Amino acid sequence: MKAKELDKKFDDGEDIIEHLDLSSATRPGRDQKRVNVDFPTWMVQRLDREARRLGVPRQSLIKIWIAERLEQDGRVG
């Protein structure tokens, strides 16, 4: 299928997923990079308490909170 035909199908609201090869698809800017951060014990204890309260892992809580802060500052993405 030519790109022009695919564009038309998409623009017309048709489902084009069957025409795409998603096996190697990536989301730009979403690759992971490991960082190590040292926190005081009291901070880890409070993070763990809040993570348990919310039912999420500590790492997820930290990521959520940092993302929220960066969004507030207009720096995400």
N, C-alpha and C. Protein backbone atom coordinates (compact mmCIF):
# COMPACT_ATOMS: atom_id res chain seq x y z
N MET A 1 0.84 -1.17 0.00
CA MET A 1 0.00 0.00 0.00
C MET A 1 0.89 1.24 0.00
N LYS A 2 0.54 2.18 -0.78
CA LYS A 2 1.31 3.43 -0.86
C LYS A 2 0.97 4.32 0.32
N ALA A 3 1.91 5.17 0.68
CA ALA A 3 1.73 6.07 1.82
C ALA A 3 0.50 6.95 1.65
N LYS A 4 0.24 7.39 0.46
CA LYS A 4 -0.90 8.25 0.20
C LYS A 4 -2.22 7.53 0.53
N GLU A 5 -2.28 6.25 0.17
CA GLU A 5 -3.48 5.45 0.46
C GLU A 5 -3.64 5.25 1.97
N LEU A 6 -2.52 4.96 2.64
CA LEU A 6 -2.56 4.79 4.09
C LEU A 6 -3.00 6.08 4.77
N ASP A 7 -2.46 7.21 4.33
CA ASP A 7 -2.86 8.51 4.88
C ASP A 7 -4.36 8.74 4.72
N LYS A 8 -4.89 8.40 3.57
CA LYS A 8 -6.32 8.61 3.32
C LYS A 8 -7.16 7.75 4.26
N LYS A 9 -6.78 6.48 4.39
CA LYS A 9 -7.50 5.59 5.30
C LYS A 9 -7.49 6.17 6.72
N PHE A 10 -6.32 6.61 7.16
CA PHE A 10 -6.19 7.19 8.50
C PHE A 10 -7.06 8.44 8.63
N ASP A 11 -6.96 9.33 7.66
CA ASP A 11 -7.74 10.57 7.69
C ASP A 11 -9.24 10.31 7.68
N ASP A 12 -9.64 9.21 7.05
CA ASP A 12 -11.06 8.85 6.99
C ASP A 12 -11.52 8.11 8.24
N GLY A 13 -10.61 7.92 9.18
CA GLY A 13 -10.96 7.28 10.44
C GLY A 13 -10.97 5.77 10.40
N GLU A 14 -10.42 5.19 9.35
CA GLU A 14 -10.37 3.72 9.24
C GLU A 14 -9.26 3.17 10.13
N ASP A 15 -9.44 1.92 10.54
CA ASP A 15 -8.43 1.24 11.34
C ASP A 15 -7.29 0.81 10.42
N ILE A 16 -6.09 1.32 10.68
CA ILE A 16 -4.94 1.02 9.83
C ILE A 16 -3.93 0.11 10.51
N ILE A 17 -4.23 -0.35 11.71
CA ILE A 17 -3.26 -1.11 12.50
C ILE A 17 -2.77 -2.36 11.77
N GLU A 18 -3.63 -2.99 10.98
CA GLU A 18 -3.22 -4.20 10.27
C GLU A 18 -2.16 -3.91 9.21
N HIS A 19 -1.99 -2.67 8.84
CA HIS A 19 -1.02 -2.29 7.81
C HIS A 19 0.33 -1.86 8.41
N LEU A 20 0.43 -1.88 9.74
CA LEU A 20 1.64 -1.42 10.40
C LEU A 20 2.43 -2.60 10.98
N ASP A 21 3.74 -2.49 10.96
CA ASP A 21 4.62 -3.46 11.60
C ASP A 21 5.05 -2.87 12.93
N LEU A 22 4.43 -3.30 14.01
CA LEU A 22 4.71 -2.73 15.33
C LEU A 22 5.80 -3.49 16.09
N SER A 23 6.39 -4.50 15.45
CA SER A 23 7.37 -5.33 16.15
C SER A 23 8.61 -4.56 16.58
N SER A 24 8.93 -3.49 15.89
CA SER A 24 10.11 -2.71 16.27
C SER A 24 9.75 -1.26 16.58
N ALA A 25 8.48 -1.02 16.85
CA ALA A 25 8.04 0.35 17.15
C ALA A 25 8.59 0.81 18.50
N THR A 26 8.97 2.06 18.58
CA THR A 26 9.45 2.64 19.82
C THR A 26 8.76 3.97 20.05
N ARG A 27 8.81 4.44 21.28
CA ARG A 27 8.27 5.75 21.63
C ARG A 27 9.45 6.68 21.85
N PRO A 28 9.66 7.63 20.97
CA PRO A 28 10.81 8.54 21.10
C PRO A 28 10.82 9.24 22.47
N GLY A 29 12.01 9.31 23.03
CA GLY A 29 12.17 9.99 24.31
C GLY A 29 11.69 9.20 25.51
N ARG A 30 11.30 7.96 25.31
CA ARG A 30 10.79 7.14 26.41
C ARG A 30 11.72 6.01 26.80
N ASP A 31 12.94 5.98 26.24
CA ASP A 31 13.87 4.94 26.63
C ASP A 31 14.28 5.17 28.08
N GLN A 32 14.70 4.11 28.74
CA GLN A 32 15.01 4.17 30.17
C GLN A 32 16.49 4.42 30.39
N LYS A 33 16.80 5.15 31.45
CA LYS A 33 18.18 5.35 31.87
C LYS A 33 18.20 5.17 33.38
N ARG A 34 19.06 4.29 33.84
CA ARG A 34 19.14 4.00 35.26
C ARG A 34 19.96 5.08 35.96
N VAL A 35 19.44 5.54 37.10
CA VAL A 35 20.18 6.48 37.94
C VAL A 35 20.13 5.96 39.38
N ASN A 36 21.13 6.29 40.13
CA ASN A 36 21.18 5.91 41.54
C ASN A 36 21.09 7.17 42.38
N VAL A 37 20.21 7.15 43.35
CA VAL A 37 20.02 8.29 44.24
C VAL A 37 20.05 7.78 45.67
N ASP A 38 20.82 8.45 46.49
CA ASP A 38 20.86 8.09 47.91
C ASP A 38 19.90 9.00 48.67
N PHE A 39 19.02 8.39 49.48
CA PHE A 39 18.08 9.12 50.31
C PHE A 39 18.37 8.84 51.77
N PRO A 40 18.11 9.81 52.62
CA PRO A 40 18.23 9.53 54.06
C PRO A 40 17.20 8.47 54.47
N THR A 41 17.51 7.73 55.51
CA THR A 41 16.63 6.65 55.97
C THR A 41 15.22 7.14 56.25
N TRP A 42 15.08 8.29 56.90
CA TRP A 42 13.74 8.78 57.23
C TRP A 42 12.91 9.02 55.96
N MET A 43 13.57 9.44 54.89
CA MET A 43 12.87 9.72 53.64
C MET A 43 12.41 8.41 52.99
N VAL A 44 13.26 7.40 53.02
CA VAL A 44 12.89 6.09 52.46
C VAL A 44 11.72 5.51 53.24
N GLN A 45 11.75 5.66 54.56
CA GLN A 45 10.65 5.15 55.38
C GLN A 45 9.33 5.84 55.02
N ARG A 46 9.37 7.15 54.83
CA ARG A 46 8.14 7.87 54.47
C ARG A 46 7.69 7.54 53.06
N LEU A 47 8.65 7.36 52.13
CA LEU A 47 8.30 6.93 50.78
C LEU A 47 7.62 5.57 50.81
N ASP A 48 8.20 4.64 51.58
CA ASP A 48 7.63 3.30 51.68
C ASP A 48 6.22 3.34 52.27
N ARG A 49 6.03 4.16 53.28
CA ARG A 49 4.71 4.27 53.91
C ARG A 49 3.68 4.78 52.91
N GLU A 50 4.05 5.81 52.16
CA GLU A 50 3.13 6.37 51.17
C GLU A 50 2.90 5.41 50.02
N ALA A 51 3.93 4.71 49.59
CA ALA A 51 3.80 3.73 48.51
C ALA A 51 2.85 2.61 48.93
N ARG A 52 2.99 2.13 50.17
CA ARG A 52 2.08 1.09 50.67
C ARG A 52 0.65 1.61 50.71
N ARG A 53 0.48 2.83 51.18
CA ARG A 53 -0.86 3.42 51.27
C ARG A 53 -1.53 3.47 49.90
N LEU A 54 -0.74 3.81 48.87
CA LEU A 54 -1.27 3.92 47.51
C LEU A 54 -1.27 2.59 46.76
N GLY A 55 -0.58 1.59 47.31
CA GLY A 55 -0.53 0.28 46.67
C GLY A 55 0.35 0.24 45.43
N VAL A 56 1.44 1.01 45.47
CA VAL A 56 2.37 1.04 44.33
C VAL A 56 3.78 0.81 44.85
N PRO A 57 4.69 0.35 44.00
CA PRO A 57 6.10 0.21 44.43
C PRO A 57 6.74 1.58 44.67
N ARG A 58 7.73 1.59 45.53
CA ARG A 58 8.44 2.84 45.84
C ARG A 58 8.95 3.53 44.58
N GLN A 59 9.55 2.76 43.67
CA GLN A 59 10.11 3.34 42.45
C GLN A 59 9.03 4.05 41.63
N SER A 60 7.85 3.45 41.56
CA SER A 60 6.76 4.08 40.81
C SER A 60 6.34 5.39 41.46
N LEU A 61 6.26 5.39 42.77
CA LEU A 61 5.88 6.61 43.49
C LEU A 61 6.88 7.74 43.22
N ILE A 62 8.16 7.41 43.27
CA ILE A 62 9.19 8.42 43.01
C ILE A 62 9.06 8.96 41.59
N LYS A 63 8.87 8.06 40.62
CA LYS A 63 8.73 8.50 39.22
C LYS A 63 7.50 9.39 39.04
N ILE A 64 6.39 9.00 39.65
CA ILE A 64 5.16 9.79 39.54
C ILE A 64 5.38 11.18 40.12
N TRP A 65 5.94 11.24 41.31
CA TRP A 65 6.14 12.53 41.96
C TRP A 65 7.10 13.44 41.18
N ILE A 66 8.17 12.87 40.66
CA ILE A 66 9.10 13.68 39.88
C ILE A 66 8.45 14.15 38.58
N ALA A 67 7.70 13.27 37.92
CA ALA A 67 7.01 13.66 36.68
C ALA A 67 6.00 14.78 36.95
N GLU A 68 5.26 14.68 38.06
CA GLU A 68 4.29 15.73 38.41
C GLU A 68 5.00 17.07 38.61
N ARG A 69 6.11 17.03 39.29
CA ARG A 69 6.86 18.27 39.55
C ARG A 69 7.39 18.88 38.25
N LEU A 70 7.92 18.04 37.38
CA LEU A 70 8.44 18.54 36.11
C LEU A 70 7.32 19.08 35.24
N GLU A 71 6.14 18.46 35.28
CA GLU A 71 5.00 18.98 34.53
C GLU A 71 4.62 20.37 35.05
N GLN A 72 4.61 20.53 36.36
CA GLN A 72 4.30 21.84 36.96
C GLN A 72 5.26 22.90 36.45
N ASP A 73 6.51 22.52 36.31
CA ASP A 73 7.53 23.46 35.86
C ASP A 73 7.59 23.57 34.34
N GLY A 74 6.75 22.77 33.64
CA GLY A 74 6.70 22.82 32.18
C GLY A 74 7.89 22.20 31.48
N ARG A 75 8.46 21.16 32.11
CA ARG A 75 9.68 20.59 31.54
C ARG A 75 9.55 19.15 31.09
N VAL A 76 8.37 18.55 31.15
CA VAL A 76 8.22 17.15 30.73
C VAL A 76 8.04 17.08 29.24
N GLY A 77 8.64 16.02 28.64
CA GLY A 77 8.45 15.76 27.23
C GLY A 77 9.45 16.37 26.41
